[in-house]
Amino acid sequence: MFVVRRLREFNIALLGKWCWWLLVDRDGLWRRVLVARYGVADGGLEDGGRSCSSWWREIVRIRDGIVEGGEGWFADCVRRRVGDGVDTDFWRDCWCGSVPLCERFRRLYDLAVNKAITVRNMFLLGVEDGGSVAVASPFMCVGGGLGRGV
């Protein structure tokens, strides 16, 4: 017989696993269902407001770090691996440090023509211009191309 003594912690762990799967399996059925139901803003799933299910509300609370006794634990334990940069938003994802580049370099972000560009496409723009991305110089982690310093 399986007995769970710490039900709250067990439930938070399971919801954290859902958060992980929604990050990893970007083309999965459940993510597509949630996108259809709640929508997407800035590359992430919307929270759904008052009309969302209690299951989704709890996942959003964990994702956003609003959980009693362990605020921010999910975000503190997850790091983005850029890989080829296809699934990483250049400006809004935390892929170069702990703060998105759109917050770290607000003025540069405000001047950017394409605010929805991926790391891969930003790199390719640099290759087309002779091998160095024009905005890469302030970002030490991007300077040598994909994969270096990330």
Protein backbone atom coordinates (compact mmCIF):
# COMPACT_ATOMS: atom_id res chain seq x y z
CA MET A 1 0.00 0.00 0.00
CA PHE A 2 1.30 3.43 -1.02
CA VAL A 3 0.86 6.13 1.63
CA VAL A 4 1.70 9.79 1.11
CA ARG A 5 2.24 11.50 4.43
CA ARG A 6 3.19 14.93 3.17
CA LEU A 7 0.39 15.46 0.68
CA ARG A 8 0.98 19.19 0.12
CA GLU A 9 4.67 18.69 -0.75
CA PHE A 10 3.80 15.71 -2.96
CA ASN A 11 1.19 17.78 -4.82
CA ILE A 12 3.66 20.67 -5.32
CA ALA A 13 6.23 18.21 -6.68
CA LEU A 14 3.73 16.81 -9.19
CA LEU A 15 2.68 20.29 -10.29
CA GLY A 16 6.36 21.20 -10.65
CA LYS A 17 6.72 18.20 -12.94
CA TRP A 18 3.87 19.60 -15.09
CA CYS A 19 5.70 22.95 -15.24
CA TRP A 20 8.80 21.12 -16.42
CA TRP A 21 6.94 19.17 -19.13
CA LEU A 22 5.28 22.33 -20.42
CA LEU A 23 8.73 23.89 -20.79
CA VAL A 24 10.35 20.87 -22.41
CA ASP A 25 7.60 19.50 -24.64
CA ARG A 26 6.70 22.67 -26.53
CA ASP A 27 4.75 20.78 -29.20
CA GLY A 28 3.00 18.38 -26.82
CA LEU A 29 -0.74 17.82 -26.68
CA TRP A 30 -1.26 19.40 -23.25
CA ARG A 31 0.67 22.52 -24.18
CA ARG A 32 -1.40 22.88 -27.35
CA VAL A 33 -4.60 22.46 -25.31
CA LEU A 34 -3.48 25.13 -22.83
CA VAL A 35 -2.46 27.50 -25.65
CA ALA A 36 -5.90 27.07 -27.23
CA ARG A 37 -7.65 27.59 -23.88
CA TYR A 38 -5.61 30.41 -22.30
CA GLY A 39 -3.44 31.87 -25.08
CA VAL A 40 0.19 32.93 -25.30
CA ALA A 41 1.82 36.26 -24.47
CA ASP A 42 5.54 37.07 -24.76
CA GLY A 43 6.28 33.43 -25.60
CA GLY A 44 4.71 32.05 -22.41
CA LEU A 45 1.30 30.68 -21.57
CA GLU A 46 -1.23 33.16 -20.17
CA ASP A 47 -2.41 32.65 -16.60
CA GLY A 48 -6.09 32.49 -17.53
CA GLY A 49 -7.33 34.99 -14.95
CA ARG A 50 -10.42 34.03 -12.98
CA SER A 51 -11.75 31.67 -15.63
CA CYS A 52 -8.96 29.09 -15.33
CA SER A 53 -9.15 25.69 -13.68
CA SER A 54 -7.74 25.21 -10.18
CA TRP A 55 -5.17 22.79 -11.66
CA TRP A 56 -3.90 25.46 -14.07
CA ARG A 57 -4.00 28.16 -11.39
CA GLU A 58 -1.70 26.07 -9.16
CA ILE A 59 0.72 25.39 -12.02
CA VAL A 60 0.87 29.12 -12.79
CA ARG A 61 1.53 29.85 -9.11
CA ILE A 62 4.49 27.45 -9.11
CA ARG A 63 5.76 28.74 -12.47
CA ASP A 64 5.56 32.35 -11.27
CA GLY A 65 7.01 31.60 -7.81
CA ILE A 66 3.87 32.30 -5.80
CA VAL A 67 3.85 29.24 -3.54
CA GLU A 68 3.72 29.39 0.23
CA GLY A 69 6.91 28.34 1.96
CA GLY A 70 9.05 28.06 -1.17
CA GLU A 71 8.70 31.16 -3.28
CA GLY A 72 10.52 30.99 -6.57
CA TRP A 73 11.82 27.46 -6.12
CA PHE A 74 10.89 26.32 -9.62
CA ALA A 75 12.59 29.21 -11.41
CA ASP A 76 15.62 28.85 -9.12
CA CYS A 77 15.98 25.18 -10.07
CA VAL A 78 15.50 25.50 -13.84
CA ARG A 79 18.10 26.77 -16.25
CA ARG A 80 17.62 27.25 -19.97
CA ARG A 81 19.95 25.39 -22.27
CA VAL A 82 20.18 27.30 -25.51
CA GLY A 83 21.33 24.49 -27.80
CA ASP A 84 20.88 25.66 -31.39
CA GLY A 85 18.83 28.69 -30.25
CA VAL A 86 15.71 27.82 -32.27
CA ASP A 87 13.42 27.65 -29.21
CA THR A 88 15.01 30.49 -27.23
CA ASP A 89 13.65 34.03 -27.47
CA PHE A 90 16.64 36.37 -27.73
CA TRP A 91 15.09 39.22 -25.77
CA ARG A 92 12.56 37.69 -23.35
CA ASP A 93 14.04 34.36 -22.22
CA CYS A 94 16.62 34.19 -19.42
CA TRP A 95 19.35 32.50 -21.42
CA CYS A 96 22.25 34.83 -20.67
CA GLY A 97 22.23 35.38 -16.93
CA SER A 98 19.24 35.54 -14.62
CA VAL A 99 17.54 38.57 -16.20
CA PRO A 100 16.05 38.69 -19.72
CA LEU A 101 18.00 40.91 -22.11
CA CYS A 102 14.89 43.06 -22.69
CA GLU A 103 15.10 44.12 -19.03
CA ARG A 104 18.87 44.22 -18.78
CA PHE A 105 19.20 46.44 -21.88
CA ARG A 106 15.85 48.25 -22.01
CA ARG A 107 16.91 51.05 -24.35
CA LEU A 108 18.47 48.65 -26.81
CA TYR A 109 15.32 46.51 -26.68
CA ASP A 110 13.16 49.57 -27.32
CA LEU A 111 15.24 50.30 -30.43
CA ALA A 112 15.16 46.71 -31.72
CA VAL A 113 13.19 46.26 -34.93
CA ASN A 114 12.42 42.59 -34.27
CA LYS A 115 11.48 42.02 -30.64
CA ALA A 116 10.36 38.41 -31.28
CA ILE A 117 13.62 37.05 -32.67
CA THR A 118 15.21 33.78 -31.54
CA VAL A 119 18.84 33.40 -30.52
CA ARG A 120 19.43 31.33 -33.66
CA ASN A 121 18.00 33.97 -36.00
CA MET A 122 19.95 36.75 -34.27
CA PHE A 123 23.11 34.70 -34.78
CA LEU A 124 22.24 34.13 -38.45
CA LEU A 125 21.74 37.87 -38.92
CA GLY A 126 25.31 38.33 -37.70
CA VAL A 127 26.63 35.69 -40.09
CA GLU A 128 24.96 37.52 -42.98
CA ASP A 129 26.70 40.72 -41.88
CA GLY A 130 30.20 39.25 -41.86
CA GLY A 131 30.19 37.07 -38.76
CA SER A 132 29.43 39.34 -35.82
CA VAL A 133 26.03 40.37 -34.56
CA ALA A 134 25.86 44.14 -34.25
CA VAL A 135 24.20 44.02 -30.81
CA ALA A 136 26.36 41.18 -29.51
CA SER A 137 29.19 43.30 -28.12
CA PRO A 138 27.41 44.19 -24.83
CA PHE A 139 26.56 40.51 -24.32
CA MET A 140 29.72 38.66 -23.40
CA CYS A 141 27.91 35.32 -23.59
CA VAL A 142 26.98 35.75 -27.27
CA GLY A 143 30.20 37.17 -28.68
CA GLY A 144 31.74 33.99 -30.09
CA GLY A 145 28.60 32.49 -31.54
CA LEU A 146 26.12 29.91 -30.30
CA GLY A 147 27.13 27.58 -27.53
CA ARG A 148 30.11 29.53 -26.18
CA GLY A 149 29.67 30.96 -22.72
CA VAL A 150 26.10 29.71 -22.49
